[in-house]
């Protein structure tokens, strides 16, 4: 079941005003106590596609781009710009439709 307090990947009209509606004094305090690198790591973990959701989201371009972008931010904040660039290029590929999900390894084609 989806957490109703979190924006969904299906929303195409999320604005900064909408995101601001999720802020609370408690959240501001917690966020203020974390480093940028830790916040990026938490975001990357949150946006990572879980194995149980893989089949459902493997071709969801927004989900895949978000996952790659968050991972890129983690690398960038850890002074690994080459790794960050590779993830940003993948995110761009998802968004511009130049890449697609490979077949699932557990359901791959048979080689007779």
N, C-alpha and C. Protein backbone atom coordinates (compact mmCIF):
# COMPACT_ATOMS: atom_id res chain seq x y z
N UNK A 1 0.83 -1.18 0.00
CA UNK A 1 0.00 0.00 0.00
C UNK A 1 0.88 1.24 0.00
N UNK A 2 0.56 2.23 -0.80
CA UNK A 2 1.36 3.44 -0.93
C UNK A 2 1.20 4.32 0.29
N UNK A 3 2.26 5.01 0.66
CA UNK A 3 2.23 5.96 1.75
C UNK A 3 1.62 7.25 1.22
N UNK A 4 0.46 7.62 1.76
CA UNK A 4 -0.28 8.77 1.23
C UNK A 4 0.40 10.10 1.51
N UNK A 5 1.43 10.12 2.35
CA UNK A 5 2.12 11.38 2.62
C UNK A 5 3.25 11.65 1.66
N UNK A 6 3.54 10.73 0.78
CA UNK A 6 4.65 10.89 -0.15
C UNK A 6 4.13 11.11 -1.56
N UNK A 7 4.77 12.00 -2.33
CA UNK A 7 4.38 12.18 -3.73
C UNK A 7 4.60 10.89 -4.49
N UNK A 8 3.77 10.64 -5.46
CA UNK A 8 3.87 9.42 -6.25
C UNK A 8 4.59 9.67 -7.55
N UNK A 9 5.16 8.63 -8.14
CA UNK A 9 5.82 8.76 -9.43
C UNK A 9 4.83 9.09 -10.53
N UNK A 10 3.55 8.84 -10.31
CA UNK A 10 2.56 9.07 -11.35
C UNK A 10 2.11 10.52 -11.42
N UNK A 11 2.43 11.33 -10.42
CA UNK A 11 2.03 12.72 -10.44
C UNK A 11 2.90 13.51 -11.41
N UNK A 12 2.27 14.16 -12.37
CA UNK A 12 3.04 14.94 -13.33
C UNK A 12 2.97 16.43 -13.04
N UNK A 13 2.26 16.82 -11.99
CA UNK A 13 2.08 18.24 -11.70
C UNK A 13 2.64 18.63 -10.34
N UNK A 14 3.59 17.88 -9.82
CA UNK A 14 4.18 18.22 -8.54
C UNK A 14 4.97 19.51 -8.70
N UNK A 15 4.68 20.48 -7.84
CA UNK A 15 5.38 21.76 -7.88
C UNK A 15 6.10 21.96 -6.56
N UNK A 16 6.92 22.99 -6.51
CA UNK A 16 7.59 23.30 -5.25
C UNK A 16 6.59 23.63 -4.16
N UNK A 17 5.48 24.27 -4.51
CA UNK A 17 4.45 24.57 -3.52
C UNK A 17 3.85 23.29 -2.96
N UNK A 18 3.65 22.29 -3.82
CA UNK A 18 3.11 21.01 -3.38
C UNK A 18 4.10 20.33 -2.43
N UNK A 19 5.37 20.33 -2.79
CA UNK A 19 6.39 19.72 -1.95
C UNK A 19 6.46 20.44 -0.61
N UNK A 20 6.33 21.76 -0.60
CA UNK A 20 6.37 22.51 0.65
C UNK A 20 5.26 22.11 1.60
N UNK A 21 4.15 21.63 1.07
CA UNK A 21 3.03 21.22 1.91
C UNK A 21 3.39 20.03 2.79
N UNK A 22 4.44 19.29 2.45
CA UNK A 22 4.85 18.12 3.23
C UNK A 22 5.79 18.49 4.37
N UNK A 23 6.20 19.75 4.46
CA UNK A 23 7.14 20.17 5.48
C UNK A 23 6.44 20.27 6.83
N UNK A 24 7.20 20.00 7.86
CA UNK A 24 6.70 20.16 9.22
C UNK A 24 7.87 20.61 10.09
N UNK A 25 7.60 21.23 11.23
CA UNK A 25 8.71 21.64 12.11
C UNK A 25 9.59 20.45 12.51
N UNK A 26 8.96 19.31 12.77
CA UNK A 26 9.73 18.12 13.14
C UNK A 26 10.63 17.69 11.99
N UNK A 27 10.09 17.66 10.78
CA UNK A 27 10.88 17.27 9.62
C UNK A 27 12.03 18.25 9.40
N UNK A 28 11.79 19.54 9.56
CA UNK A 28 12.85 20.53 9.39
C UNK A 28 13.98 20.29 10.38
N UNK A 29 13.64 19.93 11.63
CA UNK A 29 14.67 19.68 12.65
C UNK A 29 15.49 18.44 12.29
N UNK A 30 14.80 17.38 11.89
CA UNK A 30 15.48 16.13 11.54
C UNK A 30 16.38 16.36 10.32
N UNK A 31 15.85 17.02 9.31
CA UNK A 31 16.62 17.28 8.10
C UNK A 31 17.83 18.14 8.42
N UNK A 32 17.65 19.13 9.29
CA UNK A 32 18.75 20.01 9.65
C UNK A 32 19.89 19.30 10.37
N UNK A 33 19.60 18.17 10.97
CA UNK A 33 20.63 17.41 11.69
C UNK A 33 21.43 16.49 10.79
N UNK A 34 21.00 16.29 9.55
CA UNK A 34 21.67 15.37 8.64
C UNK A 34 22.54 16.13 7.65
N UNK A 35 23.65 15.51 7.28
CA UNK A 35 24.50 16.11 6.25
C UNK A 35 23.83 15.96 4.89
N UNK A 36 24.27 16.75 3.93
CA UNK A 36 23.73 16.64 2.56
C UNK A 36 23.97 15.24 2.01
N UNK A 37 25.15 14.69 2.27
CA UNK A 37 25.47 13.35 1.76
C UNK A 37 24.52 12.31 2.36
N UNK A 38 24.22 12.43 3.65
CA UNK A 38 23.32 11.48 4.30
C UNK A 38 21.90 11.65 3.77
N UNK A 39 21.46 12.88 3.57
CA UNK A 39 20.13 13.11 2.99
C UNK A 39 20.04 12.50 1.60
N UNK A 40 21.08 12.67 0.80
CA UNK A 40 21.08 12.09 -0.54
C UNK A 40 21.03 10.57 -0.47
N UNK A 41 21.74 9.98 0.48
CA UNK A 41 21.74 8.53 0.65
C UNK A 41 20.36 8.04 1.03
N UNK A 42 19.70 8.74 1.93
CA UNK A 42 18.34 8.37 2.34
C UNK A 42 17.41 8.45 1.14
N UNK A 43 17.52 9.52 0.36
CA UNK A 43 16.68 9.67 -0.82
C UNK A 43 16.95 8.55 -1.83
N UNK A 44 18.21 8.23 -2.05
CA UNK A 44 18.56 7.15 -2.99
C UNK A 44 17.98 5.82 -2.52
N UNK A 45 18.06 5.55 -1.24
CA UNK A 45 17.49 4.32 -0.69
C UNK A 45 15.98 4.31 -0.86
N UNK A 46 15.36 5.45 -0.65
CA UNK A 46 13.90 5.53 -0.76
C UNK A 46 13.44 5.34 -2.21
N UNK A 47 14.21 5.85 -3.17
CA UNK A 47 13.82 5.78 -4.57
C UNK A 47 14.31 4.51 -5.28
N UNK A 48 15.16 3.74 -4.62
CA UNK A 48 15.63 2.49 -5.21
C UNK A 48 14.46 1.53 -5.39
N UNK A 49 14.44 0.87 -6.52
CA UNK A 49 13.36 -0.07 -6.79
C UNK A 49 13.65 -1.37 -6.05
N UNK A 50 12.74 -1.74 -5.17
CA UNK A 50 12.89 -2.96 -4.37
C UNK A 50 12.71 -4.18 -5.26
N UNK A 51 13.36 -5.28 -4.92
CA UNK A 51 13.19 -6.51 -5.70
C UNK A 51 11.72 -6.91 -5.87
N UNK A 52 10.91 -6.67 -4.83
CA UNK A 52 9.50 -7.04 -4.92
C UNK A 52 8.72 -6.15 -5.89
N UNK A 53 9.26 -4.99 -6.23
CA UNK A 53 8.60 -4.07 -7.16
C UNK A 53 9.25 -4.07 -8.55
N UNK A 54 10.29 -4.87 -8.71
CA UNK A 54 11.08 -4.80 -9.94
C UNK A 54 10.24 -5.01 -11.20
N UNK A 55 9.45 -6.05 -11.25
CA UNK A 55 8.66 -6.32 -12.46
C UNK A 55 7.67 -5.20 -12.75
N UNK A 56 7.10 -4.64 -11.71
CA UNK A 56 6.10 -3.59 -11.88
C UNK A 56 6.73 -2.28 -12.33
N UNK A 57 7.94 -1.97 -11.86
CA UNK A 57 8.55 -0.66 -12.12
C UNK A 57 9.73 -0.67 -13.07
N UNK A 58 10.15 -1.85 -13.54
CA UNK A 58 11.38 -1.90 -14.34
C UNK A 58 11.32 -1.05 -15.60
N UNK A 59 10.14 -0.80 -16.14
CA UNK A 59 10.00 0.02 -17.34
C UNK A 59 9.37 1.38 -17.05
N UNK A 60 9.18 1.70 -15.79
CA UNK A 60 8.62 3.00 -15.42
C UNK A 60 9.72 4.04 -15.53
N UNK A 61 9.64 4.84 -16.58
CA UNK A 61 10.71 5.79 -16.89
C UNK A 61 10.93 6.81 -15.78
N UNK A 62 9.87 7.31 -15.17
CA UNK A 62 10.04 8.27 -14.08
C UNK A 62 10.70 7.63 -12.87
N UNK A 63 10.28 6.43 -12.52
CA UNK A 63 10.87 5.74 -11.38
C UNK A 63 12.34 5.44 -11.63
N UNK A 64 12.67 4.97 -12.82
CA UNK A 64 14.06 4.63 -13.13
C UNK A 64 14.93 5.88 -13.18
N UNK A 65 14.42 6.98 -13.76
CA UNK A 65 15.18 8.23 -13.81
C UNK A 65 15.39 8.80 -12.42
N UNK A 66 14.37 8.73 -11.58
CA UNK A 66 14.50 9.22 -10.20
C UNK A 66 15.53 8.41 -9.43
N UNK A 67 15.49 7.10 -9.61
CA UNK A 67 16.45 6.22 -8.94
C UNK A 67 17.88 6.57 -9.36
N UNK A 68 18.11 6.73 -10.64
CA UNK A 68 19.45 7.04 -11.15
C UNK A 68 19.90 8.44 -10.74
N UNK A 69 18.99 9.41 -10.75
CA UNK A 69 19.33 10.78 -10.37
C UNK A 69 19.73 10.86 -8.90
N UNK A 70 18.98 10.19 -8.04
CA UNK A 70 19.31 10.18 -6.62
C UNK A 70 20.66 9.51 -6.38
N UNK A 71 20.93 8.43 -7.09
CA UNK A 71 22.22 7.76 -6.97
C UNK A 71 23.34 8.67 -7.45
N UNK A 72 23.09 9.41 -8.53
CA UNK A 72 24.08 10.37 -9.04
C UNK A 72 24.41 11.42 -7.99
N UNK A 73 23.40 11.90 -7.28
CA UNK A 73 23.62 12.89 -6.24
C UNK A 73 24.50 12.34 -5.13
N UNK A 74 24.29 11.09 -4.76
CA UNK A 74 25.14 10.46 -3.73
C UNK A 74 26.59 10.46 -4.20
N UNK A 75 26.83 10.02 -5.44
CA UNK A 75 28.20 10.00 -5.96
C UNK A 75 28.79 11.41 -6.03
N UNK A 76 28.02 12.37 -6.47
CA UNK A 76 28.52 13.74 -6.59
C UNK A 76 28.92 14.30 -5.24
N UNK A 77 28.08 14.08 -4.23
CA UNK A 77 28.38 14.59 -2.90
C UNK A 77 29.51 13.83 -2.22
N UNK A 78 29.88 12.68 -2.76
CA UNK A 78 31.02 11.92 -2.25
C UNK A 78 32.23 12.08 -3.16
N UNK A 79 32.24 13.18 -3.92
CA UNK A 79 33.37 13.56 -4.76
C UNK A 79 33.76 12.49 -5.78
N UNK A 80 32.74 11.91 -6.42
CA UNK A 80 32.96 10.94 -7.48
C UNK A 80 32.19 11.40 -8.73
N UNK A 81 32.66 12.50 -9.35
CA UNK A 81 31.90 13.09 -10.46
C UNK A 81 31.73 12.18 -11.67
N UNK A 82 32.69 11.30 -11.95
CA UNK A 82 32.56 10.41 -13.10
C UNK A 82 31.40 9.44 -12.92
N UNK A 83 31.28 8.89 -11.70
CA UNK A 83 30.17 7.99 -11.40
C UNK A 83 28.85 8.75 -11.43
N UNK A 84 28.85 9.98 -10.91
CA UNK A 84 27.64 10.80 -10.93
C UNK A 84 27.20 11.05 -12.37
N UNK A 85 28.13 11.39 -13.23
CA UNK A 85 27.80 11.67 -14.63
C UNK A 85 27.21 10.44 -15.32
N UNK A 86 27.77 9.28 -15.06
CA UNK A 86 27.25 8.05 -15.67
C UNK A 86 25.79 7.83 -15.26
N UNK A 87 25.47 8.07 -13.97
CA UNK A 87 24.09 7.88 -13.50
C UNK A 87 23.16 8.95 -14.08
N UNK A 88 23.66 10.18 -14.22
CA UNK A 88 22.84 11.23 -14.82
C UNK A 88 22.57 10.95 -16.29
N UNK A 89 23.55 10.39 -16.98
CA UNK A 89 23.34 10.02 -18.38
C UNK A 89 22.29 8.92 -18.48
N UNK A 90 22.33 7.97 -17.56
CA UNK A 90 21.30 6.92 -17.55
C UNK A 90 19.93 7.51 -17.27
N UNK A 91 19.85 8.43 -16.32
CA UNK A 91 18.57 9.08 -16.02
C UNK A 91 18.06 9.79 -17.26
N UNK A 92 18.92 10.50 -17.95
CA UNK A 92 18.53 11.17 -19.19
C UNK A 92 18.05 10.19 -20.23
N UNK A 93 18.71 9.03 -20.32
CA UNK A 93 18.30 8.00 -21.27
C UNK A 93 16.91 7.46 -20.99
N UNK A 94 16.58 7.33 -19.70
CA UNK A 94 15.23 6.90 -19.35
C UNK A 94 14.22 7.95 -19.77
N UNK A 95 14.55 9.21 -19.53
CA UNK A 95 13.60 10.29 -19.82
C UNK A 95 13.45 10.56 -21.31
N UNK A 96 14.55 10.44 -22.07
CA UNK A 96 14.44 10.71 -23.51
C UNK A 96 14.15 9.44 -24.33
N UNK A 97 13.94 8.35 -23.62
CA UNK A 97 13.55 7.06 -24.21
C UNK A 97 14.65 6.43 -25.09
N UNK A 98 15.90 6.81 -24.83
CA UNK A 98 16.99 6.22 -25.61
C UNK A 98 17.47 4.89 -25.00
N UNK A 99 17.01 4.57 -23.79
CA UNK A 99 17.30 3.26 -23.20
C UNK A 99 16.00 2.63 -22.75
N UNK A 100 16.02 1.32 -22.63
CA UNK A 100 14.85 0.56 -22.18
C UNK A 100 15.32 -0.53 -21.23
N UNK A 101 14.40 -1.06 -20.47
CA UNK A 101 14.72 -2.11 -19.52
C UNK A 101 15.11 -3.39 -20.25
N UNK A 102 16.20 -4.02 -19.82
CA UNK A 102 16.56 -5.32 -20.41
C UNK A 102 15.57 -6.38 -19.95
N UNK A 103 15.53 -7.51 -20.64
CA UNK A 103 14.64 -8.58 -20.18
C UNK A 103 15.04 -9.05 -18.78
N UNK A 104 14.08 -9.52 -18.06
CA UNK A 104 14.33 -10.03 -16.72
C UNK A 104 15.22 -11.27 -16.80
N UNK A 105 16.31 -11.31 -16.02
CA UNK A 105 17.21 -12.47 -16.08
C UNK A 105 16.54 -13.79 -15.71
N UNK A 106 15.51 -13.72 -14.86
CA UNK A 106 14.83 -14.96 -14.48
C UNK A 106 13.81 -15.40 -15.50
N UNK A 107 13.50 -14.55 -16.48
CA UNK A 107 12.55 -14.88 -17.52
C UNK A 107 13.17 -14.73 -18.91
N UNK A 108 14.49 -14.71 -18.97
CA UNK A 108 15.19 -14.47 -20.23
C UNK A 108 14.86 -15.51 -21.30
N UNK A 109 15.22 -15.19 -22.51
CA UNK A 109 14.94 -16.11 -23.63
C UNK A 109 15.81 -17.35 -23.51
N UNK A 110 15.25 -18.44 -23.93
CA UNK A 110 15.97 -19.71 -23.91
C UNK A 110 16.91 -19.80 -25.10
N UNK A 111 18.03 -20.35 -24.87
CA UNK A 111 18.99 -20.60 -25.95
C UNK A 111 18.98 -22.10 -26.23
N UNK A 112 18.27 -22.51 -27.27
CA UNK A 112 18.19 -23.94 -27.59
C UNK A 112 19.34 -24.39 -28.42
